[in-house]
N, C-alpha and C. Protein backbone atom coordinates (compact mmCIF):
# COMPACT_ATOMS: atom_id res chain seq x y z
N MET A 1 -7.75 -5.44 -42.08
CA MET A 1 -8.32 -6.81 -41.74
C MET A 1 -9.76 -6.81 -42.08
N ASP A 2 -10.23 -7.77 -42.52
CA ASP A 2 -11.80 -8.19 -42.76
C ASP A 2 -12.56 -8.46 -41.42
N GLU A 3 -13.68 -8.48 -41.44
CA GLU A 3 -14.60 -8.91 -40.31
C GLU A 3 -14.28 -10.18 -39.65
N GLU A 4 -14.04 -11.23 -40.41
CA GLU A 4 -13.59 -12.36 -40.07
C GLU A 4 -12.38 -12.37 -39.39
N ALA A 5 -11.30 -11.73 -39.63
CA ALA A 5 -10.17 -11.83 -39.06
C ALA A 5 -10.34 -10.89 -37.74
N ILE A 6 -11.02 -9.75 -37.88
CA ILE A 6 -11.43 -9.18 -36.39
C ILE A 6 -12.18 -10.04 -35.51
N ASP A 7 -13.16 -10.79 -35.70
CA ASP A 7 -13.72 -11.74 -34.95
C ASP A 7 -12.80 -12.73 -34.33
N ARG A 8 -11.73 -13.08 -35.20
CA ARG A 8 -10.95 -14.09 -34.78
C ARG A 8 -10.23 -13.71 -33.56
N CYS A 9 -9.75 -12.27 -33.62
CA CYS A 9 -8.88 -11.59 -32.58
C CYS A 9 -9.65 -11.29 -31.52
N MET A 10 -10.97 -11.07 -31.63
CA MET A 10 -11.65 -10.37 -30.54
C MET A 10 -11.58 -11.10 -29.06
N PRO A 11 -11.38 -12.35 -29.16
CA PRO A 11 -11.40 -13.11 -27.79
C PRO A 11 -9.86 -12.73 -26.68
N TYR A 12 -8.90 -12.37 -27.67
CA TYR A 12 -7.72 -11.97 -26.99
C TYR A 12 -7.75 -10.46 -26.66
N PHE A 13 -9.12 -9.85 -26.77
CA PHE A 13 -9.11 -8.35 -26.10
C PHE A 13 -9.61 -8.23 -25.09
N THR A 14 -10.29 -9.27 -24.57
CA THR A 14 -11.00 -9.37 -23.22
C THR A 14 -10.34 -9.29 -21.87
N LEU A 15 -10.70 -8.68 -21.07
CA LEU A 15 -10.20 -8.60 -19.61
C LEU A 15 -9.87 -10.00 -19.17
N ASP A 16 -10.89 -10.80 -19.17
CA ASP A 16 -10.67 -12.31 -18.90
C ASP A 16 -9.36 -12.78 -19.28
N TYR A 17 -9.26 -12.71 -20.52
CA TYR A 17 -8.17 -13.35 -21.42
C TYR A 17 -6.65 -12.70 -21.08
N MET A 18 -7.03 -11.53 -20.74
CA MET A 18 -5.71 -10.71 -20.36
C MET A 18 -5.15 -11.02 -18.89
N LYS A 19 -6.25 -11.09 -17.88
CA LYS A 19 -6.05 -11.48 -16.74
C LYS A 19 -5.54 -12.93 -16.56
N ALA A 20 -5.84 -13.86 -17.59
CA ALA A 20 -5.47 -15.38 -17.59
C ALA A 20 -4.04 -15.38 -17.95
N HIS A 21 -3.53 -14.55 -18.93
CA HIS A 21 -2.22 -14.42 -19.56
C HIS A 21 -1.44 -12.90 -19.24
N LEU A 22 -1.06 -12.73 -17.76
CA LEU A 22 -0.75 -11.54 -17.19
C LEU A 22 0.58 -11.24 -17.77
N VAL A 23 1.42 -12.59 -17.90
CA VAL A 23 2.78 -12.31 -18.24
C VAL A 23 2.91 -11.58 -19.60
N ARG A 24 1.91 -11.76 -20.48
CA ARG A 24 2.01 -11.00 -21.83
C ARG A 24 1.61 -9.69 -21.83
N TYR A 25 1.07 -9.30 -20.66
CA TYR A 25 0.63 -7.89 -20.73
C TYR A 25 1.18 -7.07 -19.76
N GLN A 26 1.21 -7.69 -18.57
CA GLN A 26 2.21 -6.70 -17.60
C GLN A 26 3.22 -6.17 -17.78
N PRO A 27 3.64 -4.62 -17.78
CA PRO A 27 5.09 -4.31 -18.04
C PRO A 27 5.92 -4.93 -17.14
N ILE A 28 7.22 -5.16 -17.51
CA ILE A 28 8.40 -5.80 -16.79
C ILE A 28 9.32 -4.58 -16.63
N SER A 29 9.14 -3.32 -17.10
CA SER A 29 10.07 -2.23 -17.09
C SER A 29 10.05 -1.51 -15.57
N VAL A 30 9.02 -1.87 -14.93
CA VAL A 30 8.82 -1.24 -13.60
C VAL A 30 8.82 -2.34 -12.57
N GLU A 31 8.96 -1.66 -11.32
CA GLU A 31 8.71 -2.84 -9.89
C GLU A 31 7.17 -2.59 -9.45
N TRP A 32 6.62 -3.43 -9.43
CA TRP A 32 5.18 -3.17 -8.64
C TRP A 32 5.38 -3.27 -7.06
N ARG A 33 4.45 -2.43 -6.53
CA ARG A 33 4.72 -2.21 -5.01
C ARG A 33 3.50 -2.37 -4.66
N ASN A 34 3.21 -2.79 -3.30
CA ASN A 34 2.07 -3.00 -2.51
C ASN A 34 0.86 -3.74 -3.29
N ASP A 35 1.36 -4.91 -4.00
CA ASP A 35 0.41 -5.69 -4.59
C ASP A 35 -0.37 -5.10 -5.64
N PHE A 36 0.28 -4.01 -6.33
CA PHE A 36 -0.21 -3.48 -7.40
C PHE A 36 -0.62 -4.21 -8.67
N ARG A 37 -1.70 -4.42 -9.25
CA ARG A 37 -1.89 -4.96 -10.48
C ARG A 37 -2.29 -4.19 -11.87
N PHE A 38 -1.33 -4.18 -12.60
CA PHE A 38 -1.58 -3.65 -13.80
C PHE A 38 -3.01 -3.64 -14.57
N ILE A 39 -3.29 -4.72 -14.57
CA ILE A 39 -4.79 -5.20 -15.02
C ILE A 39 -5.76 -5.50 -13.62
N ARG A 40 -6.48 -4.40 -13.48
CA ARG A 40 -7.14 -4.42 -12.23
C ARG A 40 -8.60 -5.06 -12.69
N LYS A 41 -9.56 -4.41 -12.09
CA LYS A 41 -11.17 -4.89 -11.98
C LYS A 41 -11.71 -4.86 -13.52
N GLY A 42 -11.23 -3.81 -14.26
CA GLY A 42 -11.91 -3.65 -15.59
C GLY A 42 -13.33 -2.82 -15.46
N THR A 43 -13.40 -1.98 -14.43
CA THR A 43 -14.56 -1.26 -14.09
C THR A 43 -14.10 -0.07 -14.79
N VAL A 44 -15.15 0.53 -15.52
CA VAL A 44 -15.01 1.86 -16.04
C VAL A 44 -15.06 2.91 -14.77
N GLY A 45 -14.07 3.74 -14.45
CA GLY A 45 -14.11 4.77 -13.66
C GLY A 45 -13.43 4.36 -12.32
N ASP A 46 -12.89 3.01 -12.29
CA ASP A 46 -12.27 2.64 -10.91
C ASP A 46 -10.88 3.48 -10.58
N HIS A 47 -10.41 4.04 -11.70
CA HIS A 47 -9.25 4.75 -11.45
C HIS A 47 -9.34 5.86 -10.18
N ALA A 48 -10.73 6.25 -10.22
CA ALA A 48 -11.12 7.46 -9.19
C ALA A 48 -10.79 6.91 -7.79
N SER A 49 -10.87 5.67 -7.57
CA SER A 49 -10.63 5.13 -6.17
C SER A 49 -9.22 5.29 -5.85
N LEU A 50 -8.32 5.14 -6.74
CA LEU A 50 -6.93 5.26 -6.62
C LEU A 50 -6.50 6.69 -6.35
N PHE A 51 -7.15 7.69 -7.01
CA PHE A 51 -6.65 9.10 -7.08
C PHE A 51 -7.26 9.93 -5.98
N ASP A 52 -6.42 10.92 -5.36
CA ASP A 52 -6.93 11.78 -4.48
C ASP A 52 -7.54 12.98 -5.47
N ALA A 53 -8.08 14.10 -4.93
CA ALA A 53 -8.59 15.29 -5.57
C ALA A 53 -7.76 15.76 -6.50
N ALA A 54 -6.68 16.07 -6.03
CA ALA A 54 -5.61 16.81 -7.01
C ALA A 54 -5.19 15.81 -8.09
N MET A 55 -4.78 14.70 -7.93
CA MET A 55 -4.77 13.51 -8.91
C MET A 55 -5.70 13.52 -9.85
N LEU A 56 -6.93 13.41 -9.48
CA LEU A 56 -8.11 13.32 -10.50
C LEU A 56 -8.08 14.74 -11.21
N LYS A 57 -8.14 16.00 -10.65
CA LYS A 57 -8.07 17.15 -11.55
C LYS A 57 -6.77 17.03 -12.67
N ARG A 58 -5.66 16.60 -12.33
CA ARG A 58 -4.42 16.45 -13.39
C ARG A 58 -4.85 15.29 -14.20
N PHE A 59 -5.34 14.27 -14.05
CA PHE A 59 -5.50 13.30 -15.01
C PHE A 59 -6.83 13.94 -15.73
N HIS A 60 -7.66 14.50 -15.46
CA HIS A 60 -8.74 15.02 -16.39
C HIS A 60 -8.41 16.20 -17.17
N GLN A 61 -7.27 16.89 -16.71
CA GLN A 61 -6.77 18.07 -17.56
C GLN A 61 -6.16 17.36 -18.50
N ALA A 62 -5.24 16.18 -18.34
CA ALA A 62 -4.27 15.69 -19.25
C ALA A 62 -5.30 15.10 -20.43
N VAL A 63 -6.51 14.52 -19.89
CA VAL A 63 -7.40 13.97 -21.12
C VAL A 63 -7.85 15.01 -21.95
N ASN A 64 -8.28 16.24 -21.26
CA ASN A 64 -8.72 17.54 -21.89
C ASN A 64 -7.62 18.01 -22.65
N ASP A 65 -6.52 17.87 -22.33
CA ASP A 65 -5.25 18.41 -23.28
C ASP A 65 -5.14 17.65 -24.50
N VAL A 66 -5.26 16.30 -24.50
CA VAL A 66 -5.32 15.25 -25.52
C VAL A 66 -6.34 15.06 -26.40
N PHE A 67 -7.58 15.49 -25.92
CA PHE A 67 -8.76 15.50 -26.49
C PHE A 67 -9.63 16.61 -26.30
N PRO A 68 -9.15 17.84 -26.71
CA PRO A 68 -10.01 19.12 -26.37
C PRO A 68 -11.35 19.21 -27.06
N HIS A 69 -11.71 18.43 -27.89
CA HIS A 69 -13.20 18.35 -28.32
C HIS A 69 -13.96 17.26 -27.89
N GLY A 70 -13.35 16.59 -26.91
CA GLY A 70 -14.12 15.52 -26.27
C GLY A 70 -13.49 13.99 -26.65
N LEU A 71 -13.71 13.03 -26.04
CA LEU A 71 -13.38 11.69 -26.31
C LEU A 71 -13.50 11.35 -27.65
N PRO A 72 -12.78 10.56 -28.11
CA PRO A 72 -13.22 10.04 -29.58
C PRO A 72 -14.08 8.88 -29.13
N LEU A 73 -15.08 8.42 -30.46
CA LEU A 73 -16.06 7.43 -30.04
C LEU A 73 -15.52 6.22 -29.68
N TRP A 74 -14.44 5.77 -29.92
CA TRP A 74 -13.92 4.58 -29.54
C TRP A 74 -13.59 4.57 -27.92
N ALA A 75 -13.13 5.52 -27.32
CA ALA A 75 -12.72 5.69 -26.28
C ALA A 75 -14.07 5.87 -25.26
N SER A 76 -15.17 6.40 -25.88
CA SER A 76 -16.40 7.06 -24.96
C SER A 76 -17.54 6.07 -24.98
N GLN A 77 -17.48 4.86 -25.40
CA GLN A 77 -18.61 4.14 -25.35
C GLN A 77 -17.99 2.75 -24.68
N PRO A 78 -18.70 2.22 -23.75
CA PRO A 78 -18.34 1.11 -23.00
C PRO A 78 -18.23 -0.19 -24.19
N SER A 79 -17.25 -1.07 -23.70
CA SER A 79 -16.99 -2.08 -24.59
C SER A 79 -17.94 -3.21 -24.13
N GLY A 80 -18.17 -4.17 -25.27
CA GLY A 80 -19.31 -5.11 -25.44
C GLY A 80 -19.36 -6.02 -24.20
């Protein structure tokens, strides 16, 4: 893709767009409970408010298993 094509796609990658078009992004293969939202606040680190200490430890271990040398650049920088 050239830069112009990427620029045309970018609006579709925003949290606001995804929230406005949930039917396109919300998985239908599971039943959501307790008003769970697949697309939540969009705040970096918000997952920690949903996990207890043991869950956080398992999450961090899973990330370390997949990325033993640290997160790739695309995953470690906040989006614009």
